[in-house]
Structures are given as C-alpha cells and as structure tokens.
Amino acid sequence: MKICLLTDLHIDLEGKYPLSIDTRQHFQIVLAKAQETKYDFLILAGDLCNQTGDDTIYAWIKEQLKDI
C-alpha cells in the first residue's frame, strides 16, 4: 500500500503568494506527481490555508482533488 501525506499547504487566496511562493501552483504540481505515482491513499494534514480558514480556499482545494 502506498500513502501520500501532504501537510502544511498554506494555500492562500488567488493572487496572494505567501513568502513570494505560489502555493497553489506548487500544490497542483505535487498532485500531478501523486497521480503519476498512483498512491492508494492521499492524506492532507494540517494548515491547508495560509493564515485563517477560508471557504473559498477549501472549495479550491476540493476542486483540485475531484479527479484523484
């Protein structure tokens, strides 16, 4: 069994780059790699949003996961 654990994503609102990092783009790159590897499980743990929980960010993350 292969498990992929992603933690501390710190995704922010569109157009915001914490510490000048496009966390949305990085997340999409990692998800693409995870799909290539064909993990049995994908776990997202802790700090999904950069600072404060935000429904917009959670919805965006959910949308990114729809094909996995």
N, C-alpha and C. Protein backbone atom coordinates (compact mmCIF):
# COMPACT_ATOMS: atom_id res chain seq x y z
N MET A 1 0.84 -1.17 0.00
CA MET A 1 0.00 0.00 0.00
C MET A 1 0.89 1.24 0.00
N LYS A 2 0.56 2.20 -0.86
CA LYS A 2 1.32 3.46 -0.95
C LYS A 2 0.44 4.61 -0.47
N ILE A 3 0.98 5.38 0.46
CA ILE A 3 0.25 6.52 1.01
C ILE A 3 1.05 7.79 0.78
N CYS A 4 0.37 8.81 0.29
CA CYS A 4 0.97 10.13 0.11
C CYS A 4 0.41 11.06 1.18
N LEU A 5 1.28 11.65 1.97
CA LEU A 5 0.89 12.58 3.03
C LEU A 5 1.38 13.97 2.68
N LEU A 6 0.44 14.89 2.52
CA LEU A 6 0.78 16.29 2.25
C LEU A 6 0.38 17.11 3.46
N THR A 7 1.25 17.94 3.94
CA THR A 7 0.95 18.72 5.12
C THR A 7 1.44 20.15 4.95
N ASP A 8 0.84 21.05 5.72
CA ASP A 8 1.24 22.46 5.73
C ASP A 8 1.23 23.09 4.34
N LEU A 9 0.11 22.97 3.65
CA LEU A 9 -0.01 23.52 2.30
C LEU A 9 0.04 25.05 2.30
N HIS A 10 -0.56 25.67 3.27
CA HIS A 10 -0.60 27.13 3.39
C HIS A 10 -1.10 27.81 2.12
N ILE A 11 -2.16 27.25 1.53
CA ILE A 11 -2.78 27.84 0.33
C ILE A 11 -3.40 29.17 0.72
N ASP A 12 -3.26 30.15 -0.15
CA ASP A 12 -3.85 31.47 0.10
C ASP A 12 -4.85 31.78 -1.00
N LEU A 13 -5.49 32.93 -0.91
CA LEU A 13 -6.43 33.35 -1.93
C LEU A 13 -5.72 33.54 -3.26
N GLU A 14 -6.45 33.43 -4.34
CA GLU A 14 -5.87 33.58 -5.68
C GLU A 14 -5.15 34.93 -5.78
N GLY A 15 -3.94 34.89 -6.32
CA GLY A 15 -3.15 36.10 -6.48
C GLY A 15 -2.32 36.49 -5.27
N LYS A 16 -2.44 35.74 -4.18
CA LYS A 16 -1.63 36.01 -2.98
C LYS A 16 -0.56 34.93 -2.89
N TYR A 17 0.66 35.36 -2.59
CA TYR A 17 1.80 34.46 -2.57
C TYR A 17 2.56 34.58 -1.25
N PRO A 18 2.25 33.73 -0.28
CA PRO A 18 2.96 33.77 1.00
C PRO A 18 4.46 33.57 0.78
N LEU A 19 5.25 34.46 1.35
CA LEU A 19 6.71 34.40 1.20
C LEU A 19 7.12 34.34 -0.27
N SER A 20 6.33 34.97 -1.13
CA SER A 20 6.57 35.02 -2.59
C SER A 20 6.51 33.65 -3.25
N ILE A 21 5.76 32.72 -2.66
CA ILE A 21 5.63 31.36 -3.19
C ILE A 21 4.21 31.17 -3.70
N ASP A 22 4.08 30.68 -4.92
CA ASP A 22 2.76 30.38 -5.48
C ASP A 22 2.35 29.00 -4.97
N THR A 23 1.77 28.98 -3.77
CA THR A 23 1.43 27.71 -3.13
C THR A 23 0.36 26.94 -3.91
N ARG A 24 -0.49 27.64 -4.63
CA ARG A 24 -1.50 26.95 -5.46
C ARG A 24 -0.81 26.17 -6.58
N GLN A 25 0.11 26.81 -7.24
CA GLN A 25 0.82 26.14 -8.33
C GLN A 25 1.62 24.96 -7.79
N HIS A 26 2.29 25.14 -6.66
CA HIS A 26 3.08 24.04 -6.08
C HIS A 26 2.17 22.87 -5.73
N PHE A 27 1.00 23.16 -5.17
CA PHE A 27 0.05 22.11 -4.82
C PHE A 27 -0.38 21.34 -6.08
N GLN A 28 -0.66 22.04 -7.16
CA GLN A 28 -1.06 21.38 -8.40
C GLN A 28 0.06 20.50 -8.96
N ILE A 29 1.29 20.96 -8.85
CA ILE A 29 2.43 20.17 -9.31
C ILE A 29 2.56 18.89 -8.49
N VAL A 30 2.44 19.01 -7.17
CA VAL A 30 2.54 17.84 -6.30
C VAL A 30 1.40 16.86 -6.57
N LEU A 31 0.18 17.38 -6.77
CA LEU A 31 -0.96 16.50 -7.07
C LEU A 31 -0.74 15.74 -8.37
N ALA A 32 -0.20 16.41 -9.38
CA ALA A 32 0.08 15.75 -10.66
C ALA A 32 1.08 14.62 -10.46
N LYS A 33 2.10 14.88 -9.66
CA LYS A 33 3.11 13.85 -9.37
C LYS A 33 2.48 12.69 -8.60
N ALA A 34 1.59 13.01 -7.67
CA ALA A 34 0.91 11.97 -6.90
C ALA A 34 0.05 11.09 -7.82
N GLN A 35 -0.60 11.70 -8.80
CA GLN A 35 -1.41 10.93 -9.75
C GLN A 35 -0.54 10.00 -10.58
N GLU A 36 0.62 10.48 -10.98
CA GLU A 36 1.56 9.64 -11.75
C GLU A 36 2.01 8.44 -10.94
N THR A 37 2.22 8.64 -9.65
CA THR A 37 2.73 7.59 -8.77
C THR A 37 1.66 6.59 -8.39
N LYS A 38 0.39 6.97 -8.55
CA LYS A 38 -0.75 6.10 -8.27
C LYS A 38 -0.76 5.61 -6.82
N TYR A 39 -0.81 6.57 -5.91
CA TYR A 39 -0.93 6.24 -4.49
C TYR A 39 -2.29 5.61 -4.21
N ASP A 40 -2.33 4.77 -3.19
CA ASP A 40 -3.60 4.18 -2.76
C ASP A 40 -4.42 5.17 -1.94
N PHE A 41 -3.72 6.00 -1.19
CA PHE A 41 -4.38 7.00 -0.35
C PHE A 41 -3.63 8.32 -0.42
N LEU A 42 -4.38 9.40 -0.36
CA LEU A 42 -3.80 10.74 -0.29
C LEU A 42 -4.37 11.40 0.97
N ILE A 43 -3.49 11.82 1.86
CA ILE A 43 -3.91 12.45 3.10
C ILE A 43 -3.42 13.88 3.10
N LEU A 44 -4.33 14.82 3.36
CA LEU A 44 -3.98 16.23 3.53
C LEU A 44 -4.07 16.53 5.01
N ALA A 45 -2.97 16.95 5.60
CA ALA A 45 -2.93 17.15 7.05
C ALA A 45 -2.49 18.57 7.38
N GLY A 46 -3.26 19.21 8.18
CA GLY A 46 -2.88 20.48 8.80
C GLY A 46 -2.55 21.66 7.91
N ASP A 47 -2.89 22.81 8.39
CA ASP A 47 -2.57 24.09 7.75
C ASP A 47 -2.85 24.11 6.25
N LEU A 48 -4.08 23.80 5.89
CA LEU A 48 -4.45 23.86 4.47
C LEU A 48 -4.46 25.30 3.98
N CYS A 49 -4.95 26.21 4.81
CA CYS A 49 -4.99 27.64 4.47
C CYS A 49 -3.77 28.34 5.05
N ASN A 50 -3.37 29.40 4.41
CA ASN A 50 -2.16 30.09 4.85
C ASN A 50 -2.28 30.65 6.25
N GLN A 51 -3.33 31.45 6.50
CA GLN A 51 -3.44 32.06 7.82
C GLN A 51 -4.71 31.65 8.53
N THR A 52 -5.84 31.95 7.97
CA THR A 52 -7.12 31.67 8.59
C THR A 52 -7.94 30.80 7.65
N GLY A 53 -8.70 29.85 8.21
CA GLY A 53 -9.56 29.03 7.37
C GLY A 53 -10.46 29.89 6.49
N ASP A 54 -10.61 29.51 5.24
CA ASP A 54 -11.39 30.30 4.29
C ASP A 54 -12.15 29.35 3.38
N ASP A 55 -13.48 29.52 3.31
CA ASP A 55 -14.30 28.64 2.48
C ASP A 55 -13.89 28.65 1.02
N THR A 56 -13.44 29.79 0.53
CA THR A 56 -13.01 29.90 -0.87
C THR A 56 -11.80 29.01 -1.12
N ILE A 57 -10.86 29.03 -0.20
CA ILE A 57 -9.65 28.21 -0.33
C ILE A 57 -10.00 26.74 -0.22
N TYR A 58 -10.85 26.38 0.76
CA TYR A 58 -11.25 24.98 0.91
C TYR A 58 -11.96 24.48 -0.35
N ALA A 59 -12.81 25.31 -0.96
CA ALA A 59 -13.50 24.92 -2.19
C ALA A 59 -12.51 24.73 -3.33
N TRP A 60 -11.50 25.58 -3.40
CA TRP A 60 -10.48 25.45 -4.46
C TRP A 60 -9.71 24.15 -4.28
N ILE A 61 -9.32 23.84 -3.06
CA ILE A 61 -8.59 22.59 -2.78
C ILE A 61 -9.47 21.39 -3.18
N LYS A 62 -10.73 21.43 -2.78
CA LYS A 62 -11.65 20.34 -3.12
C LYS A 62 -11.75 20.15 -4.63
N GLU A 63 -11.82 21.25 -5.35
CA GLU A 63 -11.89 21.19 -6.83
C GLU A 63 -10.64 20.53 -7.41
N GLN A 64 -9.49 20.82 -6.84
CA GLN A 64 -8.24 20.23 -7.33
C GLN A 64 -8.21 18.72 -7.10
N LEU A 65 -8.94 18.25 -6.10
CA LEU A 65 -8.92 16.83 -5.74
C LEU A 65 -9.98 16.00 -6.45
N LYS A 66 -10.86 16.64 -7.22
CA LYS A 66 -12.01 15.93 -7.78
C LYS A 66 -11.62 14.77 -8.71
N ASP A 67 -10.49 14.84 -9.38
CA ASP A 67 -10.10 13.80 -10.34
C ASP A 67 -9.14 12.77 -9.74
N ILE A 68 -8.86 12.90 -8.48
CA ILE A 68 -7.91 11.96 -7.85
C ILE A 68 -8.67 10.88 -7.13
